[in-house]
């Protein structure tokens, strides 16, 4: 099993949405939580895409995932939300590229399909945990939820 490197303050992370577009305001609320943790946040180019046929949307979500794993400046990838669609992109993922570029990959719900696929095929340890939109927004966020991310840091 490949264990990704722990996070440090100042690291750059990506937020992507492989399971569908999130609520913009809730995503920005979650982004601010990561920034308070000392992280620099990059939002995937296609996170808010809603228009187009399923094939195009799936290709765009896949592109965000691949770009985040390929970018050497990105140290972790957090999924914005669950929903549906992760299973459609799983067969198109470049698992060998992920294996060559190990980093934290985090989410739950529909993302669990990707967590399991990436771990099985790439041998990368993945993380099942709270999501940016559904768990880090101002209404739902708790101290316990925020604390769950601390295990990813070199403290």
C-alpha atoms as a PDB file:
ATOM      1  CA  UNK A   1       0.000   0.000   0.000  1.00  0.00           C
ATOM      2  CA  UNK A   2       1.159   3.511  -0.837  1.00  0.00           C
ATOM      3  CA  UNK A   3       0.739   6.014   1.979  1.00  0.00           C
ATOM      4  CA  UNK A   4       0.493   9.640   0.813  1.00  0.00           C
ATOM      5  CA  UNK A   5       2.567  12.338   2.456  1.00  0.00           C
ATOM      6  CA  UNK A   6       0.998  14.171   5.407  1.00  0.00           C
ATOM      7  CA  UNK A   7      -0.101  17.770   4.984  1.00  0.00           C
ATOM      8  CA  UNK A   8       1.777  20.783   6.311  1.00  0.00           C
ATOM      9  CA  UNK A   9       0.608  24.347   6.737  1.00  0.00           C
ATOM     10  CA  UNK A  10       1.096  26.184   3.474  1.00  0.00           C
ATOM     11  CA  UNK A  11       0.386  23.131   1.299  1.00  0.00           C
ATOM     12  CA  UNK A  12      -1.855  23.503  -1.725  1.00  0.00           C
ATOM     13  CA  UNK A  13      -4.937  21.278  -1.943  1.00  0.00           C
ATOM     14  CA  UNK A  14      -7.572  20.808  -4.636  1.00  0.00           C
ATOM     15  CA  UNK A  15     -11.329  20.575  -4.351  1.00  0.00           C
ATOM     16  CA  UNK A  16     -12.973  18.616  -7.150  1.00  0.00           C
ATOM     17  CA  UNK A  17     -16.522  17.373  -7.767  1.00  0.00           C
ATOM     18  CA  UNK A  18     -16.479  13.933  -9.427  1.00  0.00           C
ATOM     19  CA  UNK A  19     -20.063  13.200  -8.294  1.00  0.00           C
ATOM     20  CA  UNK A  20     -21.698  16.354  -9.630  1.00  0.00           C
ATOM     21  CA  UNK A  21     -21.781  20.108  -9.128  1.00  0.00           C
ATOM     22  CA  UNK A  22     -21.948  21.433  -5.552  1.00  0.00           C
ATOM     23  CA  UNK A  23     -23.684  24.443  -4.076  1.00  0.00           C
ATOM     24  CA  UNK A  24     -21.297  27.344  -4.740  1.00  0.00           C
ATOM     25  CA  UNK A  25     -21.763  29.211  -1.436  1.00  0.00           C
ATOM     26  CA  UNK A  26     -21.371  26.084   0.707  1.00  0.00           C
ATOM     27  CA  UNK A  27     -18.229  25.141  -1.195  1.00  0.00           C
ATOM     28  CA  UNK A  28     -16.770  28.589  -0.566  1.00  0.00           C
ATOM     29  CA  UNK A  29     -17.624  28.251   3.142  1.00  0.00           C
ATOM     30  CA  UNK A  30     -15.722  24.939   3.244  1.00  0.00           C
ATOM     31  CA  UNK A  31     -12.839  26.472   1.307  1.00  0.00           C
ATOM     32  CA  UNK A  32     -12.491  29.112   4.022  1.00  0.00           C
ATOM     33  CA  UNK A  33     -12.227  26.362   6.677  1.00  0.00           C
ATOM     34  CA  UNK A  34      -9.255  24.839   4.835  1.00  0.00           C
ATOM     35  CA  UNK A  35      -7.686  28.270   4.494  1.00  0.00           C
ATOM     36  CA  UNK A  36      -8.005  28.789   8.265  1.00  0.00           C
ATOM     37  CA  UNK A  37      -6.102  25.503   8.640  1.00  0.00           C
ATOM     38  CA  UNK A  38      -3.240  27.154   6.753  1.00  0.00           C
ATOM     39  CA  UNK A  39      -3.850  25.492   3.388  1.00  0.00           C
ATOM     40  CA  UNK A  40      -3.959  27.078  -0.047  1.00  0.00           C
ATOM     41  CA  UNK A  41      -7.071  25.911  -1.909  1.00  0.00           C
ATOM     42  CA  UNK A  42      -7.461  25.420  -5.651  1.00  0.00           C
ATOM     43  CA  UNK A  43     -10.934  24.675  -7.029  1.00  0.00           C
ATOM     44  CA  UNK A  44     -11.100  22.382 -10.038  1.00  0.00           C
ATOM     45  CA  UNK A  45     -11.922  24.089 -13.347  1.00  0.00           C
ATOM     46  CA  UNK A  46     -15.089  22.033 -13.847  1.00  0.00           C
ATOM     47  CA  UNK A  47     -16.448  21.878 -10.293  1.00  0.00           C
ATOM     48  CA  UNK A  48     -19.521  23.961 -11.076  1.00  0.00           C
ATOM     49  CA  UNK A  49     -20.206  22.594 -14.589  1.00  0.00           C
ATOM     50  CA  UNK A  50     -23.881  21.770 -15.040  1.00  0.00           C
ATOM     51  CA  UNK A  51     -24.526  22.203 -18.744  1.00  0.00           C
ATOM     52  CA  UNK A  52     -23.767  19.631 -21.407  1.00  0.00           C
ATOM     53  CA  UNK A  53     -24.427  15.993 -22.050  1.00  0.00           C
ATOM     54  CA  UNK A  54     -23.376  13.339 -19.519  1.00  0.00           C
ATOM     55  CA  UNK A  55     -20.355  12.316 -21.575  1.00  0.00           C
ATOM     56  CA  UNK A  56     -18.980  15.867 -21.600  1.00  0.00           C
ATOM     57  CA  UNK A  57     -19.691  16.386 -17.897  1.00  0.00           C
ATOM     58  CA  UNK A  58     -18.032  13.075 -17.032  1.00  0.00           C
ATOM     59  CA  UNK A  59     -14.960  13.954 -19.141  1.00  0.00           C
ATOM     60  CA  UNK A  60     -14.698  17.329 -17.397  1.00  0.00           C
ATOM     61  CA  UNK A  61     -14.928  15.786 -13.916  1.00  0.00           C
ATOM     62  CA  UNK A  62     -12.341  13.199 -14.909  1.00  0.00           C
ATOM     63  CA  UNK A  63     -10.078  15.984 -16.187  1.00  0.00           C
ATOM     64  CA  UNK A  64     -10.242  17.739 -12.799  1.00  0.00           C
ATOM     65  CA  UNK A  65      -9.315  14.498 -11.022  1.00  0.00           C
ATOM     66  CA  UNK A  66      -6.405  13.792 -13.380  1.00  0.00           C
ATOM     67  CA  UNK A  67      -5.151  17.397 -13.264  1.00  0.00           C
ATOM     68  CA  UNK A  68      -5.178  17.386  -9.462  1.00  0.00           C
ATOM     69  CA  UNK A  69      -3.215  14.137  -9.266  1.00  0.00           C
ATOM     70  CA  UNK A  70      -0.740  15.243 -11.973  1.00  0.00           C
ATOM     71  CA  UNK A  71      -0.061  18.670 -10.484  1.00  0.00           C
ATOM     72  CA  UNK A  72       3.047  18.353  -8.294  1.00  0.00           C
ATOM     73  CA  UNK A  73       2.006  21.446  -6.323  1.00  0.00           C
ATOM     74  CA  UNK A  74      -1.229  19.788  -5.124  1.00  0.00           C
ATOM     75  CA  UNK A  75      -0.708  17.741  -1.936  1.00  0.00           C
ATOM     76  CA  UNK A  76      -4.280  16.539  -1.319  1.00  0.00           C
ATOM     77  CA  UNK A  77      -7.581  16.213  -3.154  1.00  0.00           C
ATOM     78  CA  UNK A  78     -10.882  16.739  -1.362  1.00  0.00           C
ATOM     79  CA  UNK A  79     -14.202  15.953  -2.972  1.00  0.00           C
ATOM     80  CA  UNK A  80     -16.803  18.681  -2.759  1.00  0.00           C
ATOM     81  CA  UNK A  81     -19.866  16.496  -2.293  1.00  0.00           C
ATOM     82  CA  UNK A  82     -21.532  13.219  -3.074  1.00  0.00           C
ATOM     83  CA  UNK A  83     -24.382  12.677  -5.460  1.00  0.00           C
ATOM     84  CA  UNK A  84     -24.092  10.404  -8.448  1.00  0.00           C
ATOM     85  CA  UNK A  85     -21.737   9.888 -11.346  1.00  0.00           C
ATOM     86  CA  UNK A  86     -18.542   8.622  -9.751  1.00  0.00           C
ATOM     87  CA  UNK A  87     -19.067   5.099 -11.035  1.00  0.00           C
ATOM     88  CA  UNK A  88     -19.313   6.412 -14.603  1.00  0.00           C
ATOM     89  CA  UNK A  89     -15.832   7.953 -14.501  1.00  0.00           C
ATOM     90  CA  UNK A  90     -14.093   5.120 -12.619  1.00  0.00           C
ATOM     91  CA  UNK A  91     -13.359   3.030 -15.753  1.00  0.00           C
ATOM     92  CA  UNK A  92     -11.709   6.048 -17.416  1.00  0.00           C
ATOM     93  CA  UNK A  93      -9.318   6.911 -14.583  1.00  0.00           C
ATOM     94  CA  UNK A  94      -5.594   6.620 -15.255  1.00  0.00           C
ATOM     95  CA  UNK A  95      -4.771   4.526 -12.195  1.00  0.00           C
ATOM     96  CA  UNK A  96      -1.105   4.133 -13.132  1.00  0.00           C
ATOM     97  CA  UNK A  97      -0.759   7.931 -13.145  1.00  0.00           C
ATOM     98  CA  UNK A  98      -2.332   8.066  -9.664  1.00  0.00           C
ATOM     99  CA  UNK A  99       0.119   5.425  -8.458  1.00  0.00           C
ATOM    100  CA  UNK A 100       3.002   7.579  -9.767  1.00  0.00           C
ATOM    101  CA  UNK A 101       1.586  10.699  -8.077  1.00  0.00           C
ATOM    102  CA  UNK A 102       0.313   9.587  -4.667  1.00  0.00           C
ATOM    103  CA  UNK A 103      -1.530  12.139  -2.581  1.00  0.00           C
ATOM    104  CA  UNK A 104      -4.389  12.298  -0.114  1.00  0.00           C
ATOM    105  CA  UNK A 105      -7.755  11.566  -1.739  1.00  0.00           C
ATOM    106  CA  UNK A 106     -10.719  12.219   0.591  1.00  0.00           C
ATOM    107  CA  UNK A 107     -14.524  11.937   0.511  1.00  0.00           C
ATOM    108  CA  UNK A 108     -17.534   9.688   1.146  1.00  0.00           C
ATOM    109  CA  UNK A 109     -21.024   8.923  -0.193  1.00  0.00           C
ATOM    110  CA  UNK A 110     -20.856   8.385  -3.956  1.00  0.00           C
ATOM    111  CA  UNK A 111     -17.115   9.091  -3.745  1.00  0.00           C
ATOM    112  CA  UNK A 112     -16.708   5.795  -1.857  1.00  0.00           C
ATOM    113  CA  UNK A 113     -16.790   4.066  -5.252  1.00  0.00           C
ATOM    114  CA  UNK A 114     -13.711   6.057  -6.286  1.00  0.00           C
ATOM    115  CA  UNK A 115     -12.000   5.575  -2.921  1.00  0.00           C
ATOM    116  CA  UNK A 116     -12.278   1.819  -3.325  1.00  0.00           C
ATOM    117  CA  UNK A 117     -11.338   1.772  -7.020  1.00  0.00           C
ATOM    118  CA  UNK A 118      -8.266   3.960  -6.494  1.00  0.00           C
ATOM    119  CA  UNK A 119      -7.125   1.935  -3.495  1.00  0.00           C
ATOM    120  CA  UNK A 120      -7.650  -1.390  -5.266  1.00  0.00           C
ATOM    121  CA  UNK A 121      -6.116  -0.531  -8.633  1.00  0.00           C
ATOM    122  CA  UNK A 122      -3.487   2.082  -7.669  1.00  0.00           C
ATOM    123  CA  UNK A 123      -2.620   0.645  -4.250  1.00  0.00           C
ATOM    124  CA  UNK A 124      -2.976   4.166  -2.797  1.00  0.00           C
ATOM    125  CA  UNK A 125      -4.411   4.520   0.699  1.00  0.00           C
ATOM    126  CA  UNK A 126      -7.531   6.705   0.412  1.00  0.00           C
ATOM    127  CA  UNK A 127      -9.525   8.495   3.096  1.00  0.00           C
ATOM    128  CA  UNK A 128     -13.229   8.218   3.937  1.00  0.00           C
ATOM    129  CA  UNK A 129     -14.212  11.430   5.677  1.00  0.00           C
ATOM    130  CA  UNK A 130     -16.327  14.596   5.799  1.00  0.00           C
ATOM    131  CA  UNK A 131     -16.956  16.490   2.584  1.00  0.00           C
ATOM    132  CA  UNK A 132     -16.415  20.141   1.840  1.00  0.00           C
ATOM    133  CA  UNK A 133     -19.978  21.134   0.916  1.00  0.00           C
ATOM    134  CA  UNK A 134     -22.123  18.900   3.093  1.00  0.00           C
ATOM    135  CA  UNK A 135     -19.987  18.945   6.243  1.00  0.00           C
ATOM    136  CA  UNK A 136     -17.862  22.107   6.297  1.00  0.00           C
ATOM    137  CA  UNK A 137     -20.568  24.635   5.481  1.00  0.00           C
ATOM    138  CA  UNK A 138     -21.456  27.215   8.121  1.00  0.00           C
ATOM    139  CA  UNK A 139     -24.717  25.469   9.123  1.00  0.00           C
ATOM    140  CA  UNK A 140     -23.462  21.883   9.473  1.00  0.00           C
ATOM    141  CA  UNK A 141     -19.823  22.283  10.540  1.00  0.00           C
ATOM    142  CA  UNK A 142     -18.867  21.123  14.022  1.00  0.00           C
ATOM    143  CA  UNK A 143     -15.611  21.241  15.946  1.00  0.00           C
ATOM    144  CA  UNK A 144     -15.439  17.438  15.696  1.00  0.00           C
ATOM    145  CA  UNK A 145     -15.752  17.579  11.905  1.00  0.00           C
ATOM    146  CA  UNK A 146     -12.977  20.137  11.633  1.00  0.00           C
ATOM    147  CA  UNK A 147     -10.792  18.089  13.992  1.00  0.00           C
ATOM    148  CA  UNK A 148     -11.150  15.016  11.765  1.00  0.00           C
ATOM    149  CA  UNK A 149      -8.930  16.717   9.192  1.00  0.00           C
ATOM    150  CA  UNK A 150      -6.095  17.201  11.690  1.00  0.00           C
ATOM    151  CA  UNK A 151      -5.079  13.556  11.293  1.00  0.00           C
ATOM    152  CA  UNK A 152      -3.834  14.464   7.811  1.00  0.00           C
ATOM    153  CA  UNK A 153      -1.268  16.937   9.143  1.00  0.00           C
ATOM    154  CA  UNK A 154       2.294  16.428  10.315  1.00  0.00           C
ATOM    155  CA  UNK A 155       1.775  17.907  13.780  1.00  0.00           C
END
